[in-house]
N, C-alpha and C. Protein backbone atom coordinates (compact mmCIF):
# COMPACT_ATOMS: atom_id res chain seq x y z
N MET A 1 -7.32 -21.79 -9.09
CA MET A 1 -8.37 -21.61 -8.10
C MET A 1 -7.74 -21.07 -6.82
N ALA A 2 -8.41 -20.07 -6.26
CA ALA A 2 -7.88 -19.45 -5.04
C ALA A 2 -9.03 -19.01 -4.15
N LEU A 3 -8.70 -18.86 -2.90
CA LEU A 3 -9.62 -18.29 -1.93
C LEU A 3 -9.11 -16.89 -1.63
N VAL A 4 -9.93 -15.89 -1.88
CA VAL A 4 -9.54 -14.50 -1.73
C VAL A 4 -10.26 -13.92 -0.52
N PHE A 5 -9.49 -13.46 0.47
CA PHE A 5 -10.06 -12.83 1.66
C PHE A 5 -10.10 -11.33 1.45
N ILE A 6 -11.28 -10.75 1.62
CA ILE A 6 -11.45 -9.30 1.58
C ILE A 6 -11.81 -8.90 3.01
N LYS A 7 -10.84 -8.31 3.72
CA LYS A 7 -11.07 -8.02 5.13
C LYS A 7 -10.99 -6.55 5.49
N TYR A 8 -10.68 -5.69 4.51
CA TYR A 8 -10.65 -4.26 4.78
C TYR A 8 -11.74 -3.56 3.99
N GLY A 9 -12.07 -2.36 4.38
CA GLY A 9 -13.18 -1.62 3.79
C GLY A 9 -12.95 -1.15 2.37
N ILE A 10 -13.95 -0.47 1.85
CA ILE A 10 -13.99 -0.10 0.43
C ILE A 10 -12.95 0.94 0.02
N ASP A 11 -12.30 1.58 0.97
CA ASP A 11 -11.28 2.57 0.63
C ASP A 11 -9.88 1.99 0.57
N HIS A 12 -9.74 0.68 0.73
CA HIS A 12 -8.43 0.04 0.78
C HIS A 12 -7.99 -0.37 -0.63
N PRO A 13 -6.87 0.19 -1.13
CA PRO A 13 -6.47 -0.09 -2.52
C PRO A 13 -6.12 -1.55 -2.80
N ALA A 14 -5.53 -2.26 -1.84
CA ALA A 14 -5.18 -3.66 -2.08
C ALA A 14 -6.43 -4.52 -2.27
N GLU A 15 -7.49 -4.20 -1.55
CA GLU A 15 -8.73 -4.97 -1.69
C GLU A 15 -9.34 -4.76 -3.08
N LYS A 16 -9.23 -3.54 -3.61
CA LYS A 16 -9.73 -3.27 -4.96
C LYS A 16 -8.99 -4.12 -5.98
N ILE A 17 -7.69 -4.26 -5.80
CA ILE A 17 -6.88 -5.07 -6.72
C ILE A 17 -7.25 -6.54 -6.60
N LYS A 18 -7.41 -7.04 -5.36
CA LYS A 18 -7.76 -8.45 -5.18
C LYS A 18 -9.11 -8.76 -5.83
N LEU A 19 -10.08 -7.87 -5.65
CA LEU A 19 -11.39 -8.09 -6.26
C LEU A 19 -11.30 -8.08 -7.79
N ALA A 20 -10.57 -7.13 -8.32
CA ALA A 20 -10.48 -6.98 -9.78
C ALA A 20 -9.77 -8.16 -10.43
N THR A 21 -8.84 -8.77 -9.73
CA THR A 21 -8.06 -9.87 -10.34
C THR A 21 -8.63 -11.26 -10.04
N ALA A 22 -9.63 -11.35 -9.20
CA ALA A 22 -10.23 -12.66 -8.90
C ALA A 22 -10.90 -13.22 -10.16
N LYS A 23 -10.69 -14.51 -10.36
CA LYS A 23 -11.24 -15.20 -11.53
C LYS A 23 -12.56 -15.88 -11.18
N ALA A 24 -13.25 -16.34 -12.18
CA ALA A 24 -14.58 -16.94 -11.99
C ALA A 24 -14.54 -18.19 -11.11
N ASP A 25 -13.42 -18.92 -11.11
CA ASP A 25 -13.34 -20.12 -10.28
C ASP A 25 -12.75 -19.85 -8.89
N ASP A 26 -12.55 -18.58 -8.55
CA ASP A 26 -12.07 -18.19 -7.23
C ASP A 26 -13.24 -17.95 -6.28
N ASP A 27 -13.03 -18.25 -5.02
CA ASP A 27 -14.01 -17.92 -3.98
C ASP A 27 -13.54 -16.66 -3.28
N VAL A 28 -14.42 -15.67 -3.21
CA VAL A 28 -14.12 -14.40 -2.54
C VAL A 28 -14.95 -14.35 -1.27
N VAL A 29 -14.29 -14.17 -0.13
CA VAL A 29 -15.00 -14.12 1.15
C VAL A 29 -14.86 -12.73 1.75
N LEU A 30 -15.99 -12.11 2.02
CA LEU A 30 -16.01 -10.82 2.71
C LEU A 30 -16.06 -11.09 4.20
N LEU A 31 -15.03 -10.65 4.93
CA LEU A 31 -15.00 -10.84 6.38
C LEU A 31 -14.44 -9.58 7.02
N GLN A 32 -14.56 -9.51 8.32
CA GLN A 32 -14.16 -8.33 9.09
C GLN A 32 -14.78 -7.09 8.44
N ASN A 33 -14.00 -6.03 8.21
CA ASN A 33 -14.56 -4.82 7.59
C ASN A 33 -14.82 -4.99 6.09
N GLY A 34 -14.42 -6.12 5.54
CA GLY A 34 -14.71 -6.39 4.14
C GLY A 34 -16.20 -6.50 3.85
N VAL A 35 -17.01 -6.72 4.87
CA VAL A 35 -18.46 -6.80 4.65
C VAL A 35 -19.02 -5.47 4.16
N TYR A 36 -18.30 -4.38 4.38
CA TYR A 36 -18.77 -3.08 3.89
C TYR A 36 -18.80 -3.01 2.37
N TRP A 37 -18.11 -3.92 1.69
CA TRP A 37 -18.17 -3.96 0.24
C TRP A 37 -19.58 -4.26 -0.26
N LEU A 38 -20.41 -4.86 0.58
CA LEU A 38 -21.79 -5.11 0.19
C LEU A 38 -22.53 -3.81 -0.11
N LEU A 39 -22.10 -2.73 0.53
CA LEU A 39 -22.73 -1.42 0.33
C LEU A 39 -22.27 -0.76 -0.97
N ASP A 40 -21.27 -1.34 -1.62
CA ASP A 40 -20.67 -0.76 -2.82
C ASP A 40 -20.79 -1.69 -4.02
N SER A 41 -21.86 -2.46 -4.09
CA SER A 41 -22.12 -3.35 -5.23
C SER A 41 -20.92 -4.20 -5.60
N VAL A 42 -20.44 -4.98 -4.64
CA VAL A 42 -19.23 -5.78 -4.83
C VAL A 42 -19.33 -6.71 -6.04
N GLU A 43 -20.51 -7.16 -6.38
CA GLU A 43 -20.65 -8.10 -7.50
C GLU A 43 -20.25 -7.48 -8.83
N THR A 44 -20.22 -6.16 -8.93
CA THR A 44 -19.80 -5.49 -10.17
C THR A 44 -18.28 -5.34 -10.23
N LYS A 45 -17.58 -5.67 -9.16
CA LYS A 45 -16.15 -5.44 -9.07
C LYS A 45 -15.31 -6.72 -9.16
N THR A 46 -15.95 -7.87 -9.25
CA THR A 46 -15.20 -9.12 -9.29
C THR A 46 -15.94 -10.18 -10.10
N LYS A 47 -15.18 -11.13 -10.61
CA LYS A 47 -15.75 -12.28 -11.30
C LYS A 47 -15.85 -13.48 -10.36
N GLY A 48 -15.23 -13.37 -9.18
CA GLY A 48 -15.22 -14.48 -8.23
C GLY A 48 -16.58 -14.73 -7.60
N LYS A 49 -16.71 -15.93 -7.00
CA LYS A 49 -17.95 -16.30 -6.29
C LYS A 49 -17.86 -15.71 -4.88
N ILE A 50 -18.78 -14.85 -4.55
CA ILE A 50 -18.74 -14.09 -3.30
C ILE A 50 -19.52 -14.80 -2.20
N SER A 51 -18.91 -14.86 -1.02
CA SER A 51 -19.58 -15.32 0.20
C SER A 51 -19.29 -14.29 1.29
N VAL A 52 -20.15 -14.27 2.29
CA VAL A 52 -20.03 -13.28 3.37
C VAL A 52 -20.04 -14.02 4.71
N LEU A 53 -19.09 -13.67 5.56
CA LEU A 53 -19.05 -14.28 6.89
C LEU A 53 -20.17 -13.66 7.75
N ARG A 54 -21.15 -14.49 8.07
CA ARG A 54 -22.35 -14.04 8.77
C ARG A 54 -22.02 -13.31 10.08
N GLU A 55 -21.13 -13.86 10.87
CA GLU A 55 -20.82 -13.28 12.18
C GLU A 55 -20.28 -11.86 12.05
N ASP A 56 -19.45 -11.62 11.02
CA ASP A 56 -18.89 -10.28 10.84
C ASP A 56 -19.94 -9.29 10.33
N LEU A 57 -20.86 -9.76 9.51
CA LEU A 57 -21.95 -8.91 9.04
C LEU A 57 -22.83 -8.48 10.22
N LEU A 58 -23.21 -9.43 11.04
CA LEU A 58 -24.06 -9.14 12.19
C LEU A 58 -23.33 -8.28 13.23
N ALA A 59 -22.04 -8.51 13.41
CA ALA A 59 -21.26 -7.75 14.40
C ALA A 59 -21.19 -6.27 14.03
N ARG A 60 -21.38 -5.94 12.77
CA ARG A 60 -21.34 -4.55 12.34
C ARG A 60 -22.73 -3.94 12.26
N GLY A 61 -23.71 -4.64 12.78
CA GLY A 61 -25.05 -4.09 12.92
C GLY A 61 -25.95 -4.25 11.70
N TYR A 62 -25.55 -5.06 10.74
CA TYR A 62 -26.37 -5.25 9.55
C TYR A 62 -27.19 -6.53 9.65
N ALA A 63 -28.33 -6.52 9.02
CA ALA A 63 -29.20 -7.70 8.99
C ALA A 63 -28.73 -8.63 7.87
N GLU A 64 -29.06 -9.89 8.02
CA GLU A 64 -28.65 -10.89 7.03
C GLU A 64 -29.19 -10.59 5.64
N ASP A 65 -30.35 -9.94 5.56
CA ASP A 65 -30.95 -9.68 4.25
C ASP A 65 -30.24 -8.58 3.46
N LEU A 66 -29.20 -7.96 4.04
CA LEU A 66 -28.41 -6.98 3.29
C LEU A 66 -27.65 -7.67 2.16
N SER A 67 -27.29 -8.92 2.35
CA SER A 67 -26.46 -9.63 1.39
C SER A 67 -27.29 -10.41 0.38
N LYS A 68 -26.95 -10.25 -0.89
CA LYS A 68 -27.51 -11.06 -1.97
C LYS A 68 -26.70 -12.34 -2.15
N HIS A 69 -25.58 -12.41 -1.46
CA HIS A 69 -24.62 -13.49 -1.60
C HIS A 69 -24.77 -14.46 -0.43
N PRO A 70 -24.32 -15.70 -0.61
CA PRO A 70 -24.44 -16.68 0.47
C PRO A 70 -23.72 -16.23 1.74
N LEU A 71 -24.38 -16.44 2.87
CA LEU A 71 -23.77 -16.19 4.17
C LEU A 71 -23.19 -17.50 4.67
N ILE A 72 -21.96 -17.44 5.18
CA ILE A 72 -21.33 -18.64 5.71
C ILE A 72 -20.93 -18.39 7.15
N ASP A 73 -20.79 -19.47 7.89
CA ASP A 73 -20.28 -19.38 9.26
C ASP A 73 -18.83 -19.84 9.23
N TYR A 74 -18.21 -19.96 10.40
CA TYR A 74 -16.80 -20.36 10.43
C TYR A 74 -16.60 -21.77 9.89
N HIS A 75 -17.56 -22.63 10.08
CA HIS A 75 -17.47 -23.99 9.53
C HIS A 75 -17.44 -23.92 8.00
N GLY A 76 -18.28 -23.07 7.43
CA GLY A 76 -18.29 -22.89 5.98
C GLY A 76 -16.98 -22.30 5.48
N LEU A 77 -16.39 -21.41 6.26
CA LEU A 77 -15.10 -20.83 5.89
C LEU A 77 -14.01 -21.90 5.86
N VAL A 78 -14.02 -22.79 6.83
CA VAL A 78 -13.04 -23.88 6.86
C VAL A 78 -13.22 -24.77 5.63
N LYS A 79 -14.45 -25.03 5.23
CA LYS A 79 -14.69 -25.84 4.03
C LYS A 79 -14.10 -25.18 2.79
N LEU A 80 -14.24 -23.85 2.68
CA LEU A 80 -13.66 -23.14 1.54
C LEU A 80 -12.14 -23.20 1.58
N ILE A 81 -11.56 -23.08 2.76
CA ILE A 81 -10.10 -23.16 2.90
C ILE A 81 -9.61 -24.53 2.44
N GLU A 82 -10.32 -25.57 2.83
CA GLU A 82 -9.93 -26.92 2.45
C GLU A 82 -10.11 -27.17 0.94
N LYS A 83 -11.09 -26.51 0.34
CA LYS A 83 -11.42 -26.72 -1.08
C LYS A 83 -10.39 -26.09 -2.01
N GLN A 84 -9.94 -24.91 -1.70
CA GLN A 84 -9.08 -24.17 -2.61
C GLN A 84 -7.61 -24.54 -2.47
N GLU A 85 -6.87 -24.43 -3.55
CA GLU A 85 -5.46 -24.77 -3.59
C GLU A 85 -4.59 -23.74 -2.88
N ARG A 86 -4.99 -22.49 -2.94
CA ARG A 86 -4.19 -21.42 -2.33
C ARG A 86 -5.14 -20.32 -1.86
N PHE A 87 -4.58 -19.39 -1.09
CA PHE A 87 -5.40 -18.28 -0.67
C PHE A 87 -4.63 -16.98 -0.80
N ILE A 88 -5.40 -15.93 -0.99
CA ILE A 88 -4.85 -14.58 -1.10
C ILE A 88 -5.49 -13.77 0.01
N GLY A 89 -4.68 -13.35 0.95
CA GLY A 89 -5.20 -12.64 2.13
C GLY A 89 -4.86 -11.24 2.09
């Protein structure tokens, strides 16, 4: 089990690898410019459970209804960090 941070946009090769290798019991969090993956059908690129940092989505001018995935705040992010054994940033 791991927490996978996706913080760069859809053209970043390392993010593509992290998404492709995430397992079903991993939590994948889209934050910073990683929220742009929502525009590229991120759910087809990973088996992990996807969450989106609400503040970063809103900071980039998108409405909350853009995401089909759960929106979390910083408190929710801390809970995920505490839950998982390791993280991949």
